[in-house]
Amino acid sequence: MPVLVNGADFSSQIKQVDIVQRGDEYLLSATIDYQLSEKAKTALQNGVPLYWQLLIKVQKYPSFFWDKSWLKVGKRYQLQYHALLNMYRLKNEDNGDIHNFSTLASALELMSVVNDLPVVNKILLDPEQKYFCFIKLSFEREELPLPLRPFAYIDSQWYLSSDWISWPLKK
């Protein structure tokens, strides 16, 4: 059972997570709730692209400093508004897929569902060891235009990332 921690009012929240083993691979499915602040929506409406990436980490339990952990970027999205076309463009940065939407809610809905994302191969795991899986949705403030970045680090309306959640990986 994942441990959920509430963040700021504008942070994204991972609502549901499930990892199943199929063959030698562990696959992740998740539902994410994106909460954009007014400042983020205004920047988006003015053509500023917003980026998020899904981070997944598998780590031994108990973990020591020198233990190997597997960190993986599961998905990376770019969301942008095109004023001339009056549409939102969502690009999956991993595979280049592009989707166009007439509403922000529709674009966020597609970003909200992750299905059967490979996490780690069973062969890499020691059968005698316990493991925990961690997941976080990270808003990439470094991708904002340079003049906007300092404000993004001091204004809570730009804290659009989720907290890390964790749960035991069942083998």
C-alpha atoms as a PDB file:
ATOM      1  CA  MET A   1       0.000   0.000   0.000  1.00  0.00           C
ATOM      2  CA  PRO A   2       1.548   3.334  -1.044  1.00  0.00           C
ATOM      3  CA  VAL A   3       2.172   5.993   1.566  1.00  0.00           C
ATOM      4  CA  LEU A   4       0.616   9.243   0.328  1.00  0.00           C
ATOM      5  CA  VAL A   5       1.685  12.634   1.607  1.00  0.00           C
ATOM      6  CA  ASN A   6      -0.216  15.819   0.814  1.00  0.00           C
ATOM      7  CA  GLY A   7       1.748  18.692  -0.644  1.00  0.00           C
ATOM      8  CA  ALA A   8       0.864  22.282  -1.456  1.00  0.00           C
ATOM      9  CA  ASP A   9      -2.481  23.216  -2.951  1.00  0.00           C
ATOM     10  CA  PHE A  10      -0.954  23.339  -6.417  1.00  0.00           C
ATOM     11  CA  SER A  11       1.216  20.256  -6.262  1.00  0.00           C
ATOM     12  CA  SER A  12       0.479  17.228  -8.348  1.00  0.00           C
ATOM     13  CA  GLN A  13      -0.679  14.209  -6.407  1.00  0.00           C
ATOM     14  CA  ILE A  14      -0.248  10.563  -7.204  1.00  0.00           C
ATOM     15  CA  LYS A  15      -3.665   9.158  -6.405  1.00  0.00           C
ATOM     16  CA  GLN A  16      -3.297   5.459  -7.197  1.00  0.00           C
ATOM     17  CA  VAL A  17      -0.290   3.239  -7.905  1.00  0.00           C
ATOM     18  CA  ASP A  18      -0.082  -0.424  -8.771  1.00  0.00           C
ATOM     19  CA  ILE A  19       2.938  -2.511  -9.740  1.00  0.00           C
ATOM     20  CA  VAL A  20       2.406  -5.979 -11.127  1.00  0.00           C
ATOM     21  CA  GLN A  21       4.852  -8.587 -12.309  1.00  0.00           C
ATOM     22  CA  ARG A  22       4.378  -9.907 -15.840  1.00  0.00           C
ATOM     23  CA  GLY A  23       7.007 -12.381 -16.885  1.00  0.00           C
ATOM     24  CA  ASP A  24      10.371 -11.028 -15.752  1.00  0.00           C
ATOM     25  CA  GLU A  25       9.261  -7.381 -15.757  1.00  0.00           C
ATOM     26  CA  TYR A  26       7.587  -5.238 -13.089  1.00  0.00           C
ATOM     27  CA  LEU A  27       5.050  -2.846 -14.643  1.00  0.00           C
ATOM     28  CA  LEU A  28       3.659   0.327 -13.086  1.00  0.00           C
ATOM     29  CA  SER A  29       0.189   1.779 -13.516  1.00  0.00           C
ATOM     30  CA  ALA A  30      -0.752   5.044 -11.831  1.00  0.00           C
ATOM     31  CA  THR A  31      -3.317   7.820 -11.700  1.00  0.00           C
ATOM     32  CA  ILE A  32      -2.036  11.354 -11.176  1.00  0.00           C
ATOM     33  CA  ASP A  33      -3.945  14.517 -10.294  1.00  0.00           C
ATOM     34  CA  TYR A  34      -2.409  17.680 -11.780  1.00  0.00           C
ATOM     35  CA  GLN A  35      -3.274  20.937  -9.978  1.00  0.00           C
ATOM     36  CA  LEU A  36      -2.050  23.988 -11.891  1.00  0.00           C
ATOM     37  CA  SER A  37      -1.843  27.309 -10.074  1.00  0.00           C
ATOM     38  CA  GLU A  38      -3.118  30.527 -11.611  1.00  0.00           C
ATOM     39  CA  LYS A  39       0.454  31.634 -12.342  1.00  0.00           C
ATOM     40  CA  ALA A  40       1.211  28.377 -14.137  1.00  0.00           C
ATOM     41  CA  LYS A  41      -2.024  28.648 -16.159  1.00  0.00           C
ATOM     42  CA  THR A  42      -1.227  32.270 -17.059  1.00  0.00           C
ATOM     43  CA  ALA A  43       2.289  31.347 -18.169  1.00  0.00           C
ATOM     44  CA  LEU A  44       0.873  28.469 -20.207  1.00  0.00           C
ATOM     45  CA  GLN A  45      -1.701  30.792 -21.850  1.00  0.00           C
ATOM     46  CA  ASN A  46       1.182  33.101 -22.787  1.00  0.00           C
ATOM     47  CA  GLY A  47       3.022  30.350 -24.653  1.00  0.00           C
ATOM     48  CA  VAL A  48       5.391  29.120 -21.928  1.00  0.00           C
ATOM     49  CA  PRO A  49       5.765  25.331 -22.198  1.00  0.00           C
ATOM     50  CA  LEU A  50       5.534  23.380 -18.938  1.00  0.00           C
ATOM     51  CA  TYR A  51       7.408  20.109 -18.358  1.00  0.00           C
ATOM     52  CA  TRP A  52       6.860  17.223 -15.949  1.00  0.00           C
ATOM     53  CA  GLN A  53       8.704  13.953 -15.562  1.00  0.00           C
ATOM     54  CA  LEU A  54       7.743  10.826 -13.691  1.00  0.00           C
ATOM     55  CA  LEU A  55      10.621   9.514 -11.557  1.00  0.00           C
ATOM     56  CA  ILE A  56      10.682   5.893 -10.414  1.00  0.00           C
ATOM     57  CA  LYS A  57      13.261   4.441  -8.028  1.00  0.00           C
ATOM     58  CA  VAL A  58      13.729   0.884  -6.749  1.00  0.00           C
ATOM     59  CA  GLN A  59      15.913   0.535  -3.668  1.00  0.00           C
ATOM     60  CA  LYS A  60      16.959  -2.202  -1.249  1.00  0.00           C
ATOM     61  CA  TYR A  61      15.476  -2.175   2.241  1.00  0.00           C
ATOM     62  CA  PRO A  62      17.132  -1.373   4.509  1.00  0.00           C
ATOM     63  CA  SER A  63      19.208   0.871   2.290  1.00  0.00           C
ATOM     64  CA  PHE A  64      22.773   1.928   2.852  1.00  0.00           C
ATOM     65  CA  PHE A  65      24.650   4.772   1.192  1.00  0.00           C
ATOM     66  CA  TRP A  66      26.660   2.453  -1.060  1.00  0.00           C
ATOM     67  CA  ASP A  67      23.686   0.311  -2.147  1.00  0.00           C
ATOM     68  CA  LYS A  68      22.731   0.474  -5.763  1.00  0.00           C
ATOM     69  CA  SER A  69      19.296   1.851  -6.572  1.00  0.00           C
ATOM     70  CA  TRP A  70      17.649   2.063  -9.961  1.00  0.00           C
ATOM     71  CA  LEU A  71      16.346   5.498 -10.870  1.00  0.00           C
ATOM     72  CA  LYS A  72      14.349   5.788 -14.009  1.00  0.00           C
ATOM     73  CA  VAL A  73      12.513   8.593 -15.738  1.00  0.00           C
ATOM     74  CA  GLY A  74       9.242   6.934 -16.561  1.00  0.00           C
ATOM     75  CA  LYS A  75       7.566   9.553 -18.693  1.00  0.00           C
ATOM     76  CA  ARG A  76       8.379  13.120 -19.602  1.00  0.00           C
ATOM     77  CA  TYR A  77       5.699  15.480 -20.886  1.00  0.00           C
ATOM     78  CA  GLN A  78       5.714  18.936 -22.431  1.00  0.00           C
ATOM     79  CA  LEU A  79       2.457  20.900 -22.278  1.00  0.00           C
ATOM     80  CA  GLN A  80       2.112  24.039 -24.374  1.00  0.00           C
ATOM     81  CA  TYR A  81      -0.702  26.339 -25.482  1.00  0.00           C
ATOM     82  CA  HIS A  82      -0.816  27.674 -29.045  1.00  0.00           C
ATOM     83  CA  ALA A  83      -2.829  30.903 -29.096  1.00  0.00           C
ATOM     84  CA  LEU A  84      -3.129  31.150 -32.891  1.00  0.00           C
ATOM     85  CA  LEU A  85      -4.657  27.690 -33.094  1.00  0.00           C
ATOM     86  CA  ASN A  86      -6.455  27.997 -29.733  1.00  0.00           C
ATOM     87  CA  MET A  87      -5.311  24.534 -28.698  1.00  0.00           C
ATOM     88  CA  TYR A  88      -3.132  22.739 -26.174  1.00  0.00           C
ATOM     89  CA  ARG A  89      -0.327  20.551 -27.406  1.00  0.00           C
ATOM     90  CA  LEU A  90       0.883  17.638 -25.296  1.00  0.00           C
ATOM     91  CA  LYS A  91       4.134  15.983 -26.315  1.00  0.00           C
ATOM     92  CA  ASN A  92       5.470  12.768 -24.843  1.00  0.00           C
ATOM     93  CA  GLU A  93       9.184  13.593 -24.806  1.00  0.00           C
ATOM     94  CA  ASP A  94      10.133   9.903 -24.625  1.00  0.00           C
ATOM     95  CA  ASN A  95       8.589   8.706 -27.849  1.00  0.00           C
ATOM     96  CA  GLY A  96       7.710  11.963 -29.641  1.00  0.00           C
ATOM     97  CA  ASP A  97       3.939  11.364 -29.656  1.00  0.00           C
ATOM     98  CA  ILE A  98       2.001  14.622 -29.978  1.00  0.00           C
ATOM     99  CA  HIS A  99      -1.664  15.141 -29.114  1.00  0.00           C
ATOM    100  CA  ASN A 100      -3.717  18.297 -29.603  1.00  0.00           C
ATOM    101  CA  PHE A 101      -6.626  19.286 -27.356  1.00  0.00           C
ATOM    102  CA  SER A 102      -9.180  22.068 -27.323  1.00  0.00           C
ATOM    103  CA  THR A 103      -9.200  22.246 -23.513  1.00  0.00           C
ATOM    104  CA  LEU A 104      -6.591  22.153 -20.775  1.00  0.00           C
ATOM    105  CA  ALA A 105      -8.662  19.596 -18.858  1.00  0.00           C
ATOM    106  CA  SER A 106      -8.480  17.161 -21.788  1.00  0.00           C
ATOM    107  CA  ALA A 107      -4.702  17.463 -22.013  1.00  0.00           C
ATOM    108  CA  LEU A 108      -4.295  16.953 -18.261  1.00  0.00           C
ATOM    109  CA  GLU A 109      -6.613  13.943 -18.399  1.00  0.00           C
ATOM    110  CA  LEU A 110      -4.319  12.164 -20.863  1.00  0.00           C
ATOM    111  CA  MET A 111      -1.278  12.980 -18.702  1.00  0.00           C
ATOM    112  CA  SER A 112      -3.098  11.643 -15.623  1.00  0.00           C
ATOM    113  CA  VAL A 113      -3.049   7.975 -16.580  1.00  0.00           C
ATOM    114  CA  VAL A 114       0.067   5.798 -16.738  1.00  0.00           C
ATOM    115  CA  ASN A 115      -0.406   2.191 -17.846  1.00  0.00           C
ATOM    116  CA  ASP A 116       2.039  -0.737 -17.856  1.00  0.00           C
ATOM    117  CA  LEU A 117       5.243   1.279 -17.621  1.00  0.00           C
ATOM    118  CA  PRO A 118       8.291  -1.031 -17.194  1.00  0.00           C
ATOM    119  CA  VAL A 119      10.047  -0.375 -13.860  1.00  0.00           C
ATOM    120  CA  VAL A 120      12.692  -3.039 -13.294  1.00  0.00           C
ATOM    121  CA  ASN A 121      13.551  -6.502 -14.539  1.00  0.00           C
ATOM    122  CA  LYS A 122      13.216  -9.324 -11.983  1.00  0.00           C
ATOM    123  CA  ILE A 123      16.680 -10.607 -12.948  1.00  0.00           C
ATOM    124  CA  LEU A 124      18.257  -7.463 -11.397  1.00  0.00           C
ATOM    125  CA  LEU A 125      16.700  -8.140  -7.977  1.00  0.00           C
ATOM    126  CA  ASP A 126      18.165 -10.383  -5.292  1.00  0.00           C
ATOM    127  CA  PRO A 127      15.427 -12.897  -4.315  1.00  0.00           C
ATOM    128  CA  GLU A 128      16.634 -12.854  -0.683  1.00  0.00           C
ATOM    129  CA  GLN A 129      16.455  -9.047  -0.390  1.00  0.00           C
ATOM    130  CA  LYS A 130      13.478  -6.756   0.301  1.00  0.00           C
ATOM    131  CA  TYR A 131      12.920  -3.784  -2.014  1.00  0.00           C
ATOM    132  CA  PHE A 132      10.901  -0.599  -1.917  1.00  0.00           C
ATOM    133  CA  CYS A 133       9.592   1.275  -4.922  1.00  0.00           C
ATOM    134  CA  PHE A 134       9.429   5.093  -4.917  1.00  0.00           C
ATOM    135  CA  ILE A 135       7.565   7.331  -7.349  1.00  0.00           C
ATOM    136  CA  LYS A 136       7.425  11.093  -7.791  1.00  0.00           C
ATOM    137  CA  LEU A 137       6.077  13.482 -10.385  1.00  0.00           C
ATOM    138  CA  SER A 138       8.577  16.298 -10.845  1.00  0.00           C
ATOM    139  CA  PHE A 139       7.728  19.682 -12.347  1.00  0.00           C
ATOM    140  CA  GLU A 140      10.837  20.870 -14.187  1.00  0.00           C
ATOM    141  CA  ARG A 141      11.338  24.495 -13.175  1.00  0.00           C
ATOM    142  CA  GLU A 142      14.714  24.516 -14.960  1.00  0.00           C
ATOM    143  CA  GLU A 143      12.838  24.268 -18.269  1.00  0.00           C
ATOM    144  CA  LEU A 144      11.056  27.578 -17.659  1.00  0.00           C
ATOM    145  CA  PRO A 145      12.385  30.656 -19.489  1.00  0.00           C
ATOM    146  CA  LEU A 146      15.357  32.158 -17.653  1.00  0.00           C
ATOM    147  CA  PRO A 147      13.575  35.341 -16.440  1.00  0.00           C
ATOM    148  CA  LEU A 148      10.826  33.236 -14.832  1.00  0.00           C
ATOM    149  CA  ARG A 149      13.054  30.719 -13.002  1.00  0.00           C
ATOM    150  CA  PRO A 150      13.980  32.769  -9.907  1.00  0.00           C
ATOM    151  CA  PHE A 151      10.290  33.390  -9.189  1.00  0.00           C
ATOM    152  CA  ALA A 152       9.533  29.704  -9.698  1.00  0.00           C
ATOM    153  CA  TYR A 153      11.891  28.818  -6.849  1.00  0.00           C
ATOM    154  CA  ILE A 154      10.469  31.281  -4.313  1.00  0.00           C
ATOM    155  CA  ASP A 155       6.761  31.337  -5.188  1.00  0.00           C
ATOM    156  CA  SER A 156       4.691  28.399  -3.908  1.00  0.00           C
ATOM    157  CA  GLN A 157       2.436  28.657  -6.967  1.00  0.00           C
ATOM    158  CA  TRP A 158       5.273  27.037  -8.932  1.00  0.00           C
ATOM    159  CA  TYR A 159       5.617  24.035  -6.608  1.00  0.00           C
ATOM    160  CA  LEU A 160       3.810  21.719  -9.007  1.00  0.00           C
ATOM    161  CA  SER A 161       5.660  18.501  -8.136  1.00  0.00           C
ATOM    162  CA  SER A 162       4.300  15.650  -6.064  1.00  0.00           C
ATOM    163  CA  ASP A 163       5.949  14.249  -2.966  1.00  0.00           C
ATOM    164  CA  TRP A 164       7.759  10.907  -3.103  1.00  0.00           C
ATOM    165  CA  ILE A 165       5.530   7.983  -2.249  1.00  0.00           C
ATOM    166  CA  SER A 166       6.831   4.525  -1.433  1.00  0.00           C
ATOM    167  CA  TRP A 167       5.629   0.985  -0.949  1.00  0.00           C
ATOM    168  CA  PRO A 168       7.192  -2.469  -0.707  1.00  0.00           C
ATOM    169  CA  LEU A 169       7.866  -4.237  -3.983  1.00  0.00           C
ATOM    170  CA  LYS A 170       6.218  -7.652  -3.815  1.00  0.00           C
ATOM    171  CA  LYS A 171       8.254 -10.437  -5.365  1.00  0.00           C
END
